[in-house]
Amino acid sequence: MRTVSIDVPDEIKVPEKDLEKLIRVELALRLYQKGYVSLGQARRISDLSKWEFLELLSKEKIPVNYDENELKKDLKVIEQL
């Protein structure tokens, strides 16, 4: 994974402890929305569970791009239960 550092203006009133999480989540949402990353990649960037990320997509009205490979993975998990 690459590391990116950015300067955030002091005028942005986000508590320091919440800033990294906010940026990770927003980045993950936009990269997913634009098709640059898969659902799994976006959720790892955001550091959310799959279900938390799906809930966030719904809240943000971003459609889920659920492809055949993801379906196959989910079916394998279900079979193992």
Protein backbone atom coordinates (compact mmCIF):
# COMPACT_ATOMS: atom_id res chain seq x y z
CA MET A 1 0.00 0.00 0.00
CA ARG A 2 1.25 3.49 -0.79
CA THR A 3 1.34 6.32 1.71
CA VAL A 4 0.19 9.79 0.73
CA SER A 5 0.61 12.85 2.90
CA ILE A 6 -1.48 15.97 2.49
CA ASP A 7 -1.59 19.36 4.16
CA VAL A 8 -4.98 20.13 5.66
CA PRO A 9 -5.78 23.80 6.27
CA ASP A 10 -6.39 24.75 9.91
CA GLU A 11 -9.75 26.23 8.86
CA ILE A 12 -11.14 22.73 8.37
CA LYS A 13 -12.81 22.07 11.69
CA VAL A 14 -12.48 18.30 11.87
CA PRO A 15 -11.03 17.00 15.14
CA GLU A 16 -7.48 15.74 14.65
CA LYS A 17 -8.39 12.26 15.89
CA ASP A 18 -11.16 11.94 13.25
CA LEU A 19 -9.33 13.42 10.28
CA GLU A 20 -7.48 10.33 9.02
CA LYS A 21 -10.60 8.14 9.27
CA LEU A 22 -12.70 10.76 7.45
CA ILE A 23 -10.16 11.06 4.64
CA ARG A 24 -9.83 7.25 4.29
CA VAL A 25 -13.61 6.79 4.10
CA GLU A 26 -14.14 9.64 1.62
CA LEU A 27 -11.28 8.40 -0.56
CA ALA A 28 -12.65 4.86 -0.55
CA LEU A 29 -16.15 6.07 -1.46
CA ARG A 30 -14.97 8.20 -4.39
CA LEU A 31 -12.54 5.60 -5.75
CA TYR A 32 -15.28 2.97 -5.61
CA GLN A 33 -17.86 5.31 -7.15
CA LYS A 34 -15.53 6.06 -10.07
CA GLY A 35 -14.71 2.38 -10.59
CA TYR A 36 -11.02 2.62 -9.67
CA VAL A 37 -11.30 0.01 -6.91
CA SER A 38 -13.47 -3.00 -6.11
CA LEU A 39 -15.84 -3.22 -3.17
CA GLY A 40 -13.28 -5.23 -1.20
CA GLN A 41 -10.48 -2.79 -1.96
CA ALA A 42 -12.64 0.19 -1.01
CA ARG A 43 -13.68 -1.39 2.25
CA ARG A 44 -10.04 -2.13 3.14
CA ILE A 45 -9.04 1.48 2.35
CA SER A 46 -11.89 2.74 4.54
CA ASP A 47 -11.04 0.25 7.31
CA LEU A 48 -14.74 -0.64 7.59
CA SER A 49 -16.35 -4.07 7.57
CA LYS A 50 -18.06 -5.15 4.36
CA TRP A 51 -21.47 -4.54 5.94
CA GLU A 52 -20.51 -1.12 7.29
CA PHE A 53 -19.22 -0.10 3.87
CA LEU A 54 -22.36 -1.39 2.12
CA GLU A 55 -24.48 0.58 4.59
CA LEU A 56 -22.41 3.70 3.88
CA LEU A 57 -22.83 3.22 0.11
CA SER A 58 -26.58 3.04 0.62
CA LYS A 59 -26.59 6.15 2.79
CA GLU A 60 -24.54 8.03 0.17
CA LYS A 61 -26.79 6.68 -2.62
CA ILE A 62 -23.85 5.08 -4.41
CA PRO A 63 -24.89 1.94 -6.32
CA VAL A 64 -23.19 -1.33 -5.50
CA ASN A 65 -21.20 -2.81 -8.37
CA TYR A 66 -21.54 -6.48 -7.48
CA ASP A 67 -19.83 -8.58 -10.12
CA GLU A 68 -19.84 -12.31 -10.77
CA ASN A 69 -16.49 -12.88 -9.03
CA GLU A 70 -17.75 -11.29 -5.83
CA LEU A 71 -20.88 -13.44 -6.00
CA LYS A 72 -18.77 -16.60 -6.35
CA LYS A 73 -16.66 -15.62 -3.32
CA ASP A 74 -19.77 -14.96 -1.24
CA LEU A 75 -21.31 -18.29 -2.28
CA LYS A 76 -18.14 -20.12 -1.21
CA VAL A 77 -18.31 -18.46 2.20
CA ILE A 78 -21.97 -19.43 2.55
CA GLU A 79 -21.17 -23.05 1.63
CA GLN A 80 -18.58 -23.18 4.41
CA LEU A 81 -21.09 -22.11 7.05
